[in-house]
C-alpha cells in the first residue's frame, strides 16, 4: 500500500514538473498538439498508478520523453513558420470592420451563436 502511495506522489510531482516545463497555463490556451500531449501524459501516469507492480521508471521515462518532444515541437514551430502553420493552422478573421464574416464562420463551422 505504501509503495502505491509513493508511486502516486512521485508520478504526480513529475507530471506537474513536466507540465510546468512545457509552460502550460490553462486548458483553453492549449493548441491541439499540446492537448494530445496532455492526454498522453495523463494516460502514461495512470498506468503506473493502476499497476503498482510496474517499475516507476516505466512511467517516468515516457512522461519526460513526451514533455521533451512537446518542447522540441514548439521550438521547431517557433523557428519554422511553415511548420507552425501546418501544426497550429492559420488565424481566420471572423469580424472585419465591425461586421461578422459569414464565409469565415462557414469555413470554421461556427454559428453566430458560437461566436457570441
Protein backbone atom coordinates (compact mmCIF):
# COMPACT_ATOMS: atom_id res chain seq x y z
CA UNK A 1 0.00 0.00 0.00
CA UNK A 2 2.81 2.41 0.89
CA UNK A 3 4.52 1.72 -2.46
CA UNK A 4 1.30 2.61 -4.30
CA UNK A 5 1.02 5.88 -2.41
CA UNK A 6 4.68 6.66 -3.06
CA UNK A 7 4.29 5.90 -6.81
CA UNK A 8 1.26 8.17 -6.98
CA UNK A 9 3.04 11.06 -5.25
CA UNK A 10 6.14 10.72 -7.43
CA UNK A 11 4.11 10.48 -10.67
CA UNK A 12 2.03 13.49 -9.60
CA UNK A 13 5.18 15.53 -8.95
CA UNK A 14 6.74 14.52 -12.27
CA UNK A 15 3.57 15.34 -14.23
CA UNK A 16 3.35 18.77 -12.56
CA UNK A 17 7.05 19.33 -13.34
CA UNK A 18 6.59 18.23 -16.98
CA UNK A 19 3.57 20.48 -17.50
CA UNK A 20 5.36 23.46 -15.93
CA UNK A 21 8.42 22.70 -18.07
CA UNK A 22 6.21 22.84 -21.16
CA UNK A 23 4.79 26.19 -19.97
CA UNK A 24 1.12 25.25 -19.92
CA UNK A 25 -1.18 27.55 -18.00
CA UNK A 26 -4.80 26.86 -18.85
CA UNK A 27 -6.62 24.20 -20.82
CA UNK A 28 -8.20 26.87 -23.04
CA UNK A 29 -4.76 28.06 -24.15
CA UNK A 30 -3.64 24.66 -25.44
CA UNK A 31 -3.02 24.01 -29.11
CA UNK A 32 -4.30 20.65 -30.42
CA UNK A 33 -0.84 19.07 -30.21
CA UNK A 34 -0.47 20.28 -26.62
CA UNK A 35 -3.86 18.84 -25.71
CA UNK A 36 -2.85 15.47 -27.16
CA UNK A 37 0.40 15.66 -25.19
CA UNK A 38 -1.58 16.34 -22.01
CA UNK A 39 -3.83 13.33 -22.64
CA UNK A 40 -0.84 11.11 -23.37
CA UNK A 41 0.96 12.16 -20.20
CA UNK A 42 -2.13 11.52 -18.11
CA UNK A 43 -2.60 8.10 -19.70
CA UNK A 44 1.02 7.06 -19.07
CA UNK A 45 0.82 8.35 -15.50
CA UNK A 46 -2.37 6.43 -14.79
CA UNK A 47 -0.83 3.15 -15.97
CA UNK A 48 1.87 3.31 -13.31
CA UNK A 49 -0.60 4.29 -10.62
CA UNK A 50 -3.03 1.50 -11.59
CA UNK A 51 -0.28 -1.13 -11.87
CA UNK A 52 1.88 -0.87 -8.73
CA UNK A 53 3.99 -3.88 -9.85
CA UNK A 54 5.45 -1.91 -12.77
CA UNK A 55 8.77 -0.17 -12.12
CA UNK A 56 8.44 3.56 -11.54
CA UNK A 57 10.85 4.33 -14.38
CA UNK A 58 8.46 2.67 -16.83
CA UNK A 59 6.24 5.76 -16.42
CA UNK A 60 8.77 8.46 -15.61
CA UNK A 61 10.81 7.99 -18.78
CA UNK A 62 7.81 8.18 -21.19
CA UNK A 63 6.37 11.21 -19.34
CA UNK A 64 9.65 13.11 -19.60
CA UNK A 65 10.12 11.97 -23.21
CA UNK A 66 6.65 13.22 -24.18
CA UNK A 67 7.38 16.56 -22.47
CA UNK A 68 10.73 16.82 -24.29
CA UNK A 69 9.05 16.07 -27.63
CA UNK A 70 6.46 18.79 -26.98
CA UNK A 71 9.22 21.28 -26.18
CA UNK A 72 11.07 20.26 -29.36
CA UNK A 73 7.82 20.59 -31.33
CA UNK A 74 7.11 24.10 -30.03
CA UNK A 75 10.73 25.16 -30.62
CA UNK A 76 10.53 23.92 -34.22
CA UNK A 77 7.25 25.81 -34.66
CA UNK A 78 8.92 28.99 -33.37
CA UNK A 79 11.84 28.79 -35.81
CA UNK A 80 9.96 27.35 -38.80
CA UNK A 81 6.85 29.42 -39.64
CA UNK A 82 5.67 26.93 -42.29
CA UNK A 83 5.80 24.13 -39.75
CA UNK A 84 3.87 26.30 -37.26
CA UNK A 85 1.17 26.98 -39.85
CA UNK A 86 0.89 23.26 -40.57
CA UNK A 87 0.81 22.34 -36.89
CA UNK A 88 -1.38 25.14 -35.49
CA UNK A 89 -3.27 26.33 -38.56
CA UNK A 90 -3.63 29.91 -39.72
CA UNK A 91 -5.67 32.59 -37.98
CA UNK A 92 -9.03 33.45 -39.55
CA UNK A 93 -10.63 36.87 -39.22
CA UNK A 94 -14.30 36.42 -38.33
CA UNK A 95 -15.15 40.08 -37.64
CA UNK A 96 -13.91 42.73 -40.05
CA UNK A 97 -14.83 46.41 -39.88
CA UNK A 98 -17.45 45.60 -37.25
CA UNK A 99 -19.21 43.03 -39.48
CA UNK A 100 -19.34 39.27 -38.99
CA UNK A 101 -17.83 37.46 -41.97
CA UNK A 102 -20.29 34.64 -42.68
CA UNK A 103 -17.85 32.95 -45.09
CA UNK A 104 -15.26 32.74 -42.32
CA UNK A 105 -17.82 31.27 -39.93
CA UNK A 106 -18.76 28.62 -42.52
CA UNK A 107 -15.07 27.81 -43.01
CA UNK A 108 -14.68 27.35 -39.23
CA UNK A 109 -18.02 25.50 -38.98
CA UNK A 110 -19.25 28.02 -36.41
CA UNK A 111 -22.62 29.64 -35.97
CA UNK A 112 -23.08 33.29 -34.98
CA UNK A 113 -24.30 31.92 -31.62
CA UNK A 114 -20.99 30.11 -31.14
CA UNK A 115 -19.19 33.36 -31.85
CA UNK A 116 -21.23 35.28 -29.30
